[in-house]
Amino acid sequence: MSVSMPSIAAPASAKFSWLRRMGWLERIGLAGVIAITLLAIFGPQLAPFDPMLRVADAYLPPGLPHLFGTDEIGRDLFSRVLLGIRYTWLPGLAVIGIALVIGSAVGVFAGMMGGWVDALFQRIVELFLVLPSTLIAISVVAALGPGLLNTMIAITIFWWPWYARMTRDEVRRIRSRPHVEAARISGVSKTRLMLRYLLPGTVPALLVAATLDVANIILTLSLMSFLGLGLPAPAPELGAMTARSIDSLTVYWWLPILPAVVIFVMSVCANLAGDGVRSALRGA
């Protein structure tokens, strides 16, 4: 009698079933996000030249050995863009992470408590949402002074309410589920109910929202940098690099265009990856 051997391929393939639920464009976006993150971490080590020093004649067009050409001082633009990815991508992820922590904590608490606590929470969130967030953020940075940290603080102040409202709505929906009702009846403490039953249920929706927000955060950071509210020169922020050389567009086109193209690619990859996460969780 033959004995069939247990299959070990099925569990291995099951681990990557979420990847198969993504479209090919979404997979490209996810790969792009991974590559951008690696460049943000290791980009300065991969830069062929020192991004802060003059290494050649000024205004050299793209070519070898300067892939993106050189700027008005003679610095290698490709090396500066690699460093600029770090100053744009990593702060964007940090803003989303901080906003998620604050928003989810406030939203879970408000959704769990209900009553006047929930009503007060909704009024505060509505106040933040009706204000012109970008203009207020610019005003905050102008008051605190230009700088990357102040820019991140200003954006976080107006980003967490979106996650708080989403978390609150998810918690109110999850509270009516049978397993949560059973846990409440059995005497589970409110703290354990929030951490064990309510907060994990909000993770899928928050994860999708956060991945889709990466592109918005990048564009907002780039806008602030474009307006001169980010790191001061000669720091190679992508938005500031575009702003400082916009007058050279018709002559030395690579100076404003190439950093802007990198911002565009980062935003597209982030959006595609966000769509991919949504597709993967939808089929889970």
C-alpha atoms as a PDB file:
ATOM      1  CA  MET A   1       0.000   0.000   0.000  1.00  0.00           C
ATOM      2  CA  SER A   2       1.411   3.361  -1.004  1.00  0.00           C
ATOM      3  CA  VAL A   3       1.622   6.125   1.549  1.00  0.00           C
ATOM      4  CA  SER A   4       1.355   9.686   0.298  1.00  0.00           C
ATOM      5  CA  MET A   5       3.928  12.068   1.672  1.00  0.00           C
ATOM      6  CA  PRO A   6       2.660  15.338   3.141  1.00  0.00           C
ATOM      7  CA  SER A   7       3.104  18.279   0.859  1.00  0.00           C
ATOM      8  CA  ILE A   8       5.464  20.965   2.057  1.00  0.00           C
ATOM      9  CA  ALA A   9       4.923  23.220  -0.954  1.00  0.00           C
ATOM     10  CA  ALA A  10       1.417  24.263   0.069  1.00  0.00           C
ATOM     11  CA  PRO A  11       2.401  26.064   3.286  1.00  0.00           C
ATOM     12  CA  ALA A  12       5.255  27.799   1.480  1.00  0.00           C
ATOM     13  CA  SER A  13       2.984  28.980  -1.305  1.00  0.00           C
ATOM     14  CA  ALA A  14       0.357  30.056   1.210  1.00  0.00           C
ATOM     15  CA  LYS A  15       2.840  32.472   2.729  1.00  0.00           C
ATOM     16  CA  PHE A  16       2.913  34.417  -0.545  1.00  0.00           C
ATOM     17  CA  SER A  17      -0.769  34.122  -1.419  1.00  0.00           C
ATOM     18  CA  TRP A  18      -1.222  37.807  -0.557  1.00  0.00           C
ATOM     19  CA  LEU A  19       1.311  38.668  -3.258  1.00  0.00           C
ATOM     20  CA  ARG A  20      -0.657  36.770  -5.896  1.00  0.00           C
ATOM     21  CA  ARG A  21      -3.736  38.829  -5.065  1.00  0.00           C
ATOM     22  CA  MET A  22      -1.912  41.953  -6.267  1.00  0.00           C
ATOM     23  CA  GLY A  23      -1.918  43.095  -9.863  1.00  0.00           C
ATOM     24  CA  TRP A  24       1.363  43.350 -11.711  1.00  0.00           C
ATOM     25  CA  LEU A  25       1.391  47.145 -11.442  1.00  0.00           C
ATOM     26  CA  GLU A  26       0.843  46.879  -7.706  1.00  0.00           C
ATOM     27  CA  ARG A  27       3.739  44.446  -7.419  1.00  0.00           C
ATOM     28  CA  ILE A  28       5.945  46.892  -9.295  1.00  0.00           C
ATOM     29  CA  GLY A  29       4.861  49.606  -6.871  1.00  0.00           C
ATOM     30  CA  LEU A  30       5.670  47.412  -3.878  1.00  0.00           C
ATOM     31  CA  ALA A  31       9.087  46.597  -5.312  1.00  0.00           C
ATOM     32  CA  GLY A  32       9.604  50.309  -5.921  1.00  0.00           C
ATOM     33  CA  VAL A  33       8.742  51.138  -2.308  1.00  0.00           C
ATOM     34  CA  ILE A  34      11.256  48.562  -1.082  1.00  0.00           C
ATOM     35  CA  ALA A  35      13.926  49.936  -3.423  1.00  0.00           C
ATOM     36  CA  ILE A  36      13.209  53.530  -2.385  1.00  0.00           C
ATOM     37  CA  THR A  37      13.451  52.584   1.285  1.00  0.00           C
ATOM     38  CA  LEU A  38      16.804  50.901   0.706  1.00  0.00           C
ATOM     39  CA  LEU A  39      18.033  53.945  -1.212  1.00  0.00           C
ATOM     40  CA  ALA A  40      16.868  56.209   1.598  1.00  0.00           C
ATOM     41  CA  ILE A  41      18.861  54.147   4.098  1.00  0.00           C
ATOM     42  CA  PHE A  42      21.972  53.373   2.058  1.00  0.00           C
ATOM     43  CA  GLY A  43      21.842  56.107  -0.605  1.00  0.00           C
ATOM     44  CA  PRO A  44      24.631  58.262   0.860  1.00  0.00           C
ATOM     45  CA  GLN A  45      26.946  55.239   0.858  1.00  0.00           C
ATOM     46  CA  LEU A  46      26.035  54.492  -2.762  1.00  0.00           C
ATOM     47  CA  ALA A  47      26.553  58.065  -3.958  1.00  0.00           C
ATOM     48  CA  PRO A  48      29.441  58.182  -6.458  1.00  0.00           C
ATOM     49  CA  PHE A  49      30.508  61.670  -5.284  1.00  0.00           C
ATOM     50  CA  ASP A  50      30.273  63.774  -2.163  1.00  0.00           C
ATOM     51  CA  PRO A  51      26.881  65.514  -2.549  1.00  0.00           C
ATOM     52  CA  MET A  52      28.057  68.612  -0.687  1.00  0.00           C
ATOM     53  CA  LEU A  53      31.311  69.323  -2.531  1.00  0.00           C
ATOM     54  CA  ARG A  54      32.189  70.705  -5.965  1.00  0.00           C
ATOM     55  CA  VAL A  55      33.452  67.814  -8.083  1.00  0.00           C
ATOM     56  CA  ALA A  56      33.322  69.169 -11.664  1.00  0.00           C
ATOM     57  CA  ASP A  57      32.439  72.171 -13.776  1.00  0.00           C
ATOM     58  CA  ALA A  58      29.082  73.802 -13.204  1.00  0.00           C
ATOM     59  CA  TYR A  59      26.037  73.039 -15.373  1.00  0.00           C
ATOM     60  CA  LEU A  60      27.317  69.845 -16.963  1.00  0.00           C
ATOM     61  CA  PRO A  61      24.409  68.063 -18.686  1.00  0.00           C
ATOM     62  CA  PRO A  62      23.461  64.489 -17.741  1.00  0.00           C
ATOM     63  CA  GLY A  63      25.965  61.923 -18.909  1.00  0.00           C
ATOM     64  CA  LEU A  64      28.975  60.008 -17.676  1.00  0.00           C
ATOM     65  CA  PRO A  65      30.281  60.133 -15.023  1.00  0.00           C
ATOM     66  CA  HIS A  66      27.588  62.534 -13.765  1.00  0.00           C
ATOM     67  CA  LEU A  67      24.335  60.710 -14.522  1.00  0.00           C
ATOM     68  CA  PHE A  68      22.112  63.663 -13.587  1.00  0.00           C
ATOM     69  CA  GLY A  69      24.623  66.340 -14.539  1.00  0.00           C
ATOM     70  CA  THR A  70      25.990  68.953 -12.149  1.00  0.00           C
ATOM     71  CA  ASP A  71      24.400  71.969 -10.493  1.00  0.00           C
ATOM     72  CA  GLU A  72      25.287  75.659 -10.474  1.00  0.00           C
ATOM     73  CA  ILE A  73      28.270  75.031  -8.181  1.00  0.00           C
ATOM     74  CA  GLY A  74      29.552  71.869  -9.819  1.00  0.00           C
ATOM     75  CA  ARG A  75      28.115  69.334  -7.349  1.00  0.00           C
ATOM     76  CA  ASP A  76      27.003  65.963  -8.666  1.00  0.00           C
ATOM     77  CA  LEU A  77      23.203  66.107  -8.940  1.00  0.00           C
ATOM     78  CA  PHE A  78      22.744  62.322  -8.851  1.00  0.00           C
ATOM     79  CA  SER A  79      24.561  62.113  -5.501  1.00  0.00           C
ATOM     80  CA  ARG A  80      22.464  64.962  -4.154  1.00  0.00           C
ATOM     81  CA  VAL A  81      19.240  63.305  -5.281  1.00  0.00           C
ATOM     82  CA  LEU A  82      20.233  60.082  -3.516  1.00  0.00           C
ATOM     83  CA  LEU A  83      20.683  62.016  -0.297  1.00  0.00           C
ATOM     84  CA  GLY A  84      17.511  63.979  -0.982  1.00  0.00           C
ATOM     85  CA  ILE A  85      15.497  60.736  -1.051  1.00  0.00           C
ATOM     86  CA  ARG A  86      16.505  60.189   2.561  1.00  0.00           C
ATOM     87  CA  TYR A  87      15.349  63.684   3.556  1.00  0.00           C
ATOM     88  CA  THR A  88      11.955  63.107   1.914  1.00  0.00           C
ATOM     89  CA  TRP A  89      11.089  59.421   2.265  1.00  0.00           C
ATOM     90  CA  LEU A  90      12.139  58.650   5.842  1.00  0.00           C
ATOM     91  CA  PRO A  91      10.524  61.770   7.354  1.00  0.00           C
ATOM     92  CA  GLY A  92       7.330  60.887   5.482  1.00  0.00           C
ATOM     93  CA  LEU A  93       7.273  57.412   7.011  1.00  0.00           C
ATOM     94  CA  ALA A  94       8.009  58.897  10.437  1.00  0.00           C
ATOM     95  CA  VAL A  95       5.100  61.349  10.161  1.00  0.00           C
ATOM     96  CA  ILE A  96       2.716  58.553   9.229  1.00  0.00           C
ATOM     97  CA  GLY A  97       3.976  56.349  12.061  1.00  0.00           C
ATOM     98  CA  ILE A  98       3.552  59.077  14.688  1.00  0.00           C
ATOM     99  CA  ALA A  99       0.146  60.111  13.334  1.00  0.00           C
ATOM    100  CA  LEU A 100      -0.983  56.469  13.379  1.00  0.00           C
ATOM    101  CA  VAL A 101       0.048  55.985  17.002  1.00  0.00           C
ATOM    102  CA  ILE A 102      -1.663  59.175  18.190  1.00  0.00           C
ATOM    103  CA  GLY A 103      -4.742  58.771  16.018  1.00  0.00           C
ATOM    104  CA  SER A 104      -5.345  55.110  16.790  1.00  0.00           C
ATOM    105  CA  ALA A 105      -4.919  55.647  20.548  1.00  0.00           C
ATOM    106  CA  VAL A 106      -7.367  58.562  20.600  1.00  0.00           C
ATOM    107  CA  GLY A 107      -9.818  56.832  18.263  1.00  0.00           C
ATOM    108  CA  VAL A 108      -9.889  53.559  20.207  1.00  0.00           C
ATOM    109  CA  PHE A 109     -10.415  55.407  23.487  1.00  0.00           C
ATOM    110  CA  ALA A 110     -13.229  57.560  22.108  1.00  0.00           C
ATOM    111  CA  GLY A 111     -14.952  54.664  20.365  1.00  0.00           C
ATOM    112  CA  MET A 112     -14.727  52.504  23.458  1.00  0.00           C
ATOM    113  CA  MET A 113     -15.927  55.095  25.968  1.00  0.00           C
ATOM    114  CA  GLY A 114     -18.777  56.585  23.934  1.00  0.00           C
ATOM    115  CA  GLY A 115     -21.037  59.185  25.488  1.00  0.00           C
ATOM    116  CA  TRP A 116     -19.710  62.701  26.098  1.00  0.00           C
ATOM    117  CA  VAL A 117     -16.120  61.523  25.525  1.00  0.00           C
ATOM    118  CA  ASP A 118     -16.992  60.400  22.009  1.00  0.00           C
ATOM    119  CA  ALA A 119     -18.993  63.572  21.350  1.00  0.00           C
ATOM    120  CA  LEU A 120     -16.107  65.777  22.481  1.00  0.00           C
ATOM    121  CA  PHE A 121     -13.708  63.766  20.347  1.00  0.00           C
ATOM    122  CA  GLN A 122     -15.872  64.236  17.251  1.00  0.00           C
ATOM    123  CA  ARG A 123     -16.051  68.009  17.752  1.00  0.00           C
ATOM    124  CA  ILE A 124     -12.257  68.269  18.095  1.00  0.00           C
ATOM    125  CA  VAL A 125     -11.645  66.121  15.017  1.00  0.00           C
ATOM    126  CA  GLU A 126     -14.182  68.098  12.993  1.00  0.00           C
ATOM    127  CA  LEU A 127     -12.383  71.298  13.968  1.00  0.00           C
ATOM    128  CA  PHE A 128      -9.111  69.945  12.613  1.00  0.00           C
ATOM    129  CA  LEU A 129     -10.709  68.600   9.435  1.00  0.00           C
ATOM    130  CA  VAL A 130     -12.481  71.819   8.436  1.00  0.00           C
ATOM    131  CA  LEU A 131      -9.335  73.936   8.771  1.00  0.00           C
ATOM    132  CA  PRO A 132      -7.129  74.412   5.692  1.00  0.00           C
ATOM    133  CA  SER A 133      -4.499  72.020   6.985  1.00  0.00           C
ATOM    134  CA  THR A 134      -1.744  72.860   4.501  1.00  0.00           C
ATOM    135  CA  LEU A 135      -2.030  76.604   5.098  1.00  0.00           C
ATOM    136  CA  ILE A 136      -2.084  76.152   8.869  1.00  0.00           C
ATOM    137  CA  ALA A 137       0.914  73.812   8.679  1.00  0.00           C
ATOM    138  CA  ILE A 138       2.810  76.424   6.687  1.00  0.00           C
ATOM    139  CA  SER A 139       1.909  79.007   9.331  1.00  0.00           C
ATOM    140  CA  VAL A 140       3.098  76.707  12.125  1.00  0.00           C
ATOM    141  CA  VAL A 141       6.444  76.117  10.421  1.00  0.00           C
ATOM    142  CA  ALA A 142       6.811  79.833   9.714  1.00  0.00           C
ATOM    143  CA  ALA A 143       6.214  80.530  13.412  1.00  0.00           C
ATOM    144  CA  LEU A 144       8.550  77.786  14.686  1.00  0.00           C
ATOM    145  CA  GLY A 145      11.196  78.458  12.061  1.00  0.00           C
ATOM    146  CA  PRO A 146      12.206  76.540   8.918  1.00  0.00           C
ATOM    147  CA  GLY A 147      13.536  73.064   9.525  1.00  0.00           C
ATOM    148  CA  LEU A 148      12.726  69.442   8.847  1.00  0.00           C
ATOM    149  CA  LEU A 149      11.692  68.677  12.435  1.00  0.00           C
ATOM    150  CA  ASN A 150       9.325  71.649  12.603  1.00  0.00           C
ATOM    151  CA  THR A 151       7.836  70.657   9.250  1.00  0.00           C
ATOM    152  CA  MET A 152       7.222  67.128  10.502  1.00  0.00           C
ATOM    153  CA  ILE A 153       5.582  68.444  13.671  1.00  0.00           C
ATOM    154  CA  ALA A 154       3.298  70.775  11.712  1.00  0.00           C
ATOM    155  CA  ILE A 155       2.160  68.032   9.335  1.00  0.00           C
ATOM    156  CA  THR A 156       1.621  65.500  12.137  1.00  0.00           C
ATOM    157  CA  ILE A 157      -0.606  67.951  14.032  1.00  0.00           C
ATOM    158  CA  PHE A 158      -3.065  67.945  11.147  1.00  0.00           C
ATOM    159  CA  TRP A 159      -2.687  64.346  10.024  1.00  0.00           C
ATOM    160  CA  TRP A 160      -3.536  62.318  13.129  1.00  0.00           C
ATOM    161  CA  PRO A 161      -7.266  63.311  13.206  1.00  0.00           C
ATOM    162  CA  TRP A 162      -7.889  61.360   9.977  1.00  0.00           C
ATOM    163  CA  TYR A 163      -6.597  58.172  11.585  1.00  0.00           C
ATOM    164  CA  ALA A 164      -8.420  58.959  14.826  1.00  0.00           C
ATOM    165  CA  ARG A 165     -11.779  59.283  13.089  1.00  0.00           C
ATOM    166  CA  MET A 166     -11.185  56.124  11.052  1.00  0.00           C
ATOM    167  CA  THR A 167     -10.192  54.187  14.172  1.00  0.00           C
ATOM    168  CA  ARG A 168     -13.203  55.459  16.083  1.00  0.00           C
ATOM    169  CA  ASP A 169     -15.584  54.387  13.300  1.00  0.00           C
ATOM    170  CA  GLU A 170     -13.977  50.942  13.100  1.00  0.00           C
ATOM    171  CA  VAL A 171     -14.170  50.501  16.874  1.00  0.00           C
ATOM    172  CA  ARG A 172     -17.857  51.431  16.922  1.00  0.00           C
ATOM    173  CA  ARG A 173     -18.465  48.839  14.225  1.00  0.00           C
ATOM    174  CA  ILE A 174     -16.400  46.111  15.921  1.00  0.00           C
ATOM    175  CA  ARG A 175     -18.042  46.678  19.322  1.00  0.00           C
ATOM    176  CA  SER A 176     -21.278  45.089  18.091  1.00  0.00           C
ATOM    177  CA  ARG A 177     -19.632  41.822  17.064  1.00  0.00           C
ATOM    178  CA  PRO A 178     -20.547  38.708  19.091  1.00  0.00           C
ATOM    179  CA  HIS A 179     -17.041  37.924  20.333  1.00  0.00           C
ATOM    180  CA  VAL A 180     -16.619  41.462  21.689  1.00  0.00           C
ATOM    181  CA  GLU A 181     -20.017  41.330  23.376  1.00  0.00           C
ATOM    182  CA  ALA A 182     -19.104  37.968  24.895  1.00  0.00           C
ATOM    183  CA  ALA A 183     -15.824  39.360  26.214  1.00  0.00           C
ATOM    184  CA  ARG A 184     -17.608  42.364  27.749  1.00  0.00           C
ATOM    185  CA  ILE A 185     -20.241  40.165  29.428  1.00  0.00           C
ATOM    186  CA  SER A 186     -17.543  37.878  30.814  1.00  0.00           C
ATOM    187  CA  GLY A 187     -16.030  40.809  32.702  1.00  0.00           C
ATOM    188  CA  VAL A 188     -12.992  41.635  30.576  1.00  0.00           C
ATOM    189  CA  SER A 189     -11.497  44.966  31.644  1.00  0.00           C
ATOM    190  CA  LYS A 190     -11.806  47.960  29.349  1.00  0.00           C
ATOM    191  CA  THR A 191      -8.057  48.104  28.851  1.00  0.00           C
ATOM    192  CA  ARG A 192      -7.873  44.472  27.769  1.00  0.00           C
ATOM    193  CA  LEU A 193     -10.964  44.910  25.626  1.00  0.00           C
ATOM    194  CA  MET A 194      -9.343  47.802  23.783  1.00  0.00           C
ATOM    195  CA  LEU A 195      -5.937  46.169  23.332  1.00  0.00           C
ATOM    196  CA  ARG A 196      -7.012  42.591  22.719  1.00  0.00           C
ATOM    197  CA  TYR A 197     -10.285  42.877  20.823  1.00  0.00           C
ATOM    198  CA  LEU A 198     -10.837  46.373  19.405  1.00  0.00           C
ATOM    199  CA  LEU A 199      -7.447  47.714  18.352  1.00  0.00           C
ATOM    200  CA  PRO A 200      -6.388  44.623  16.301  1.00  0.00           C
ATOM    201  CA  GLY A 201      -9.636  44.866  14.354  1.00  0.00           C
ATOM    202  CA  THR A 202      -8.750  48.357  13.164  1.00  0.00           C
ATOM    203  CA  VAL A 203      -5.330  47.367  11.785  1.00  0.00           C
ATOM    204  CA  PRO A 204      -6.389  46.389   8.217  1.00  0.00           C
ATOM    205  CA  ALA A 205      -8.231  49.656   7.547  1.00  0.00           C
ATOM    206  CA  LEU A 206      -5.446  51.744   9.106  1.00  0.00           C
ATOM    207  CA  LEU A 207      -2.769  49.869   7.170  1.00  0.00           C
ATOM    208  CA  VAL A 208      -4.478  50.528   3.855  1.00  0.00           C
ATOM    209  CA  ALA A 209      -5.030  54.200   4.718  1.00  0.00           C
ATOM    210  CA  ALA A 210      -1.422  54.647   5.849  1.00  0.00           C
ATOM    211  CA  THR A 211       0.088  53.103   2.723  1.00  0.00           C
ATOM    212  CA  LEU A 212      -2.124  55.260   0.506  1.00  0.00           C
ATOM    213  CA  ASP A 213      -1.172  58.348   2.536  1.00  0.00           C
ATOM    214  CA  VAL A 214       2.557  57.933   1.941  1.00  0.00           C
ATOM    215  CA  ALA A 215       2.289  59.696  -1.415  1.00  0.00           C
ATOM    216  CA  ASN A 216       0.281  62.562   0.110  1.00  0.00           C
ATOM    217  CA  ILE A 217       2.848  63.005   2.890  1.00  0.00           C
ATOM    218  CA  ILE A 218       5.718  63.012   0.389  1.00  0.00           C
ATOM    219  CA  LEU A 219       4.023  65.664  -1.734  1.00  0.00           C
ATOM    220  CA  THR A 220       3.232  67.764   1.344  1.00  0.00           C
ATOM    221  CA  LEU A 221       6.818  67.568   2.583  1.00  0.00           C
ATOM    222  CA  SER A 222       8.074  68.432  -0.889  1.00  0.00           C
ATOM    223  CA  LEU A 223       5.691  71.408  -1.045  1.00  0.00           C
ATOM    224  CA  MET A 224       6.956  72.708   2.291  1.00  0.00           C
ATOM    225  CA  SER A 225      10.510  72.236   1.104  1.00  0.00           C
ATOM    226  CA  PHE A 226       9.663  73.952  -2.197  1.00  0.00           C
ATOM    227  CA  LEU A 227       8.432  76.966  -0.224  1.00  0.00           C
ATOM    228  CA  GLY A 228      11.695  77.132   1.710  1.00  0.00           C
ATOM    229  CA  LEU A 229      10.297  75.769   4.990  1.00  0.00           C
ATOM    230  CA  GLY A 230      12.382  72.595   5.118  1.00  0.00           C
ATOM    231  CA  LEU A 231      16.075  72.149   5.712  1.00  0.00           C
ATOM    232  CA  PRO A 232      18.100  75.231   4.787  1.00  0.00           C
ATOM    233  CA  ALA A 233      20.553  75.206   1.900  1.00  0.00           C
ATOM    234  CA  PRO A 234      22.800  73.486   1.001  1.00  0.00           C
ATOM    235  CA  ALA A 235      20.830  70.457   2.268  1.00  0.00           C
ATOM    236  CA  PRO A 236      19.685  68.485  -0.809  1.00  0.00           C
ATOM    237  CA  GLU A 237      15.933  68.280  -0.203  1.00  0.00           C
ATOM    238  CA  LEU A 238      14.183  67.344  -3.420  1.00  0.00           C
ATOM    239  CA  GLY A 239      11.503  70.031  -3.217  1.00  0.00           C
ATOM    240  CA  ALA A 240      13.998  72.737  -2.334  1.00  0.00           C
ATOM    241  CA  MET A 241      16.319  71.638  -5.148  1.00  0.00           C
ATOM    242  CA  THR A 242      13.455  72.063  -7.606  1.00  0.00           C
ATOM    243  CA  ALA A 243      12.499  75.451  -6.173  1.00  0.00           C
ATOM    244  CA  ARG A 244      16.012  76.873  -6.175  1.00  0.00           C
ATOM    245  CA  SER A 245      16.607  75.979  -9.823  1.00  0.00           C
ATOM    246  CA  ILE A 246      13.158  76.605 -11.307  1.00  0.00           C
ATOM    247  CA  ASP A 247      14.472  79.756 -13.027  1.00  0.00           C
ATOM    248  CA  SER A 248      16.905  77.570 -14.976  1.00  0.00           C
ATOM    249  CA  LEU A 249      14.176  75.378 -16.440  1.00  0.00           C
ATOM    250  CA  THR A 250      14.538  76.586 -20.019  1.00  0.00           C
ATOM    251  CA  VAL A 251      18.346  76.444 -20.026  1.00  0.00           C
ATOM    252  CA  TYR A 252      19.536  73.864 -17.507  1.00  0.00           C
ATOM    253  CA  TRP A 253      16.398  71.745 -17.484  1.00  0.00           C
ATOM    254  CA  TRP A 254      17.877  68.842 -15.508  1.00  0.00           C
ATOM    255  CA  LEU A 255      18.297  70.900 -12.326  1.00  0.00           C
ATOM    256  CA  PRO A 256      14.556  71.309 -11.535  1.00  0.00           C
ATOM    257  CA  ILE A 257      13.165  68.443 -13.619  1.00  0.00           C
ATOM    258  CA  LEU A 258      15.144  65.439 -12.348  1.00  0.00           C
ATOM    259  CA  PRO A 259      14.461  65.982  -8.605  1.00  0.00           C
ATOM    260  CA  ALA A 260      10.793  66.562  -9.471  1.00  0.00           C
ATOM    261  CA  VAL A 261      10.714  63.326 -11.478  1.00  0.00           C
ATOM    262  CA  VAL A 262      12.112  61.444  -8.481  1.00  0.00           C
ATOM    263  CA  ILE A 263       9.344  62.888  -6.272  1.00  0.00           C
ATOM    264  CA  PHE A 264       6.795  61.804  -8.885  1.00  0.00           C
ATOM    265  CA  VAL A 265       8.203  58.257  -9.039  1.00  0.00           C
ATOM    266  CA  MET A 266       8.185  57.977  -5.240  1.00  0.00           C
ATOM    267  CA  SER A 267       4.547  59.104  -5.101  1.00  0.00           C
ATOM    268  CA  VAL A 268       3.428  56.714  -7.853  1.00  0.00           C
ATOM    269  CA  CYS A 269       5.196  53.741  -6.241  1.00  0.00           C
ATOM    270  CA  ALA A 270       3.638  54.568  -2.876  1.00  0.00           C
ATOM    271  CA  ASN A 271       0.146  54.790  -4.403  1.00  0.00           C
ATOM    272  CA  LEU A 272       0.545  51.515  -6.295  1.00  0.00           C
ATOM    273  CA  ALA A 273       1.850  49.781  -3.172  1.00  0.00           C
ATOM    274  CA  GLY A 274      -1.106  51.130  -1.203  1.00  0.00           C
ATOM    275  CA  ASP A 275      -3.520  49.742  -3.792  1.00  0.00           C
ATOM    276  CA  GLY A 276      -1.664  46.435  -3.590  1.00  0.00           C
ATOM    277  CA  VAL A 277      -2.016  46.278   0.197  1.00  0.00           C
ATOM    278  CA  ARG A 278      -5.734  46.947  -0.169  1.00  0.00           C
ATOM    279  CA  SER A 279      -6.060  44.166  -2.749  1.00  0.00           C
ATOM    280  CA  ALA A 280      -4.098  41.726  -0.590  1.00  0.00           C
ATOM    281  CA  LEU A 281      -6.163  42.426   2.533  1.00  0.00           C
ATOM    282  CA  ARG A 282      -9.435  42.310   0.623  1.00  0.00           C
ATOM    283  CA  GLY A 283      -8.796  38.719  -0.405  1.00  0.00           C
ATOM    284  CA  ALA A 284      -7.422  37.643   2.989  1.00  0.00           C
END
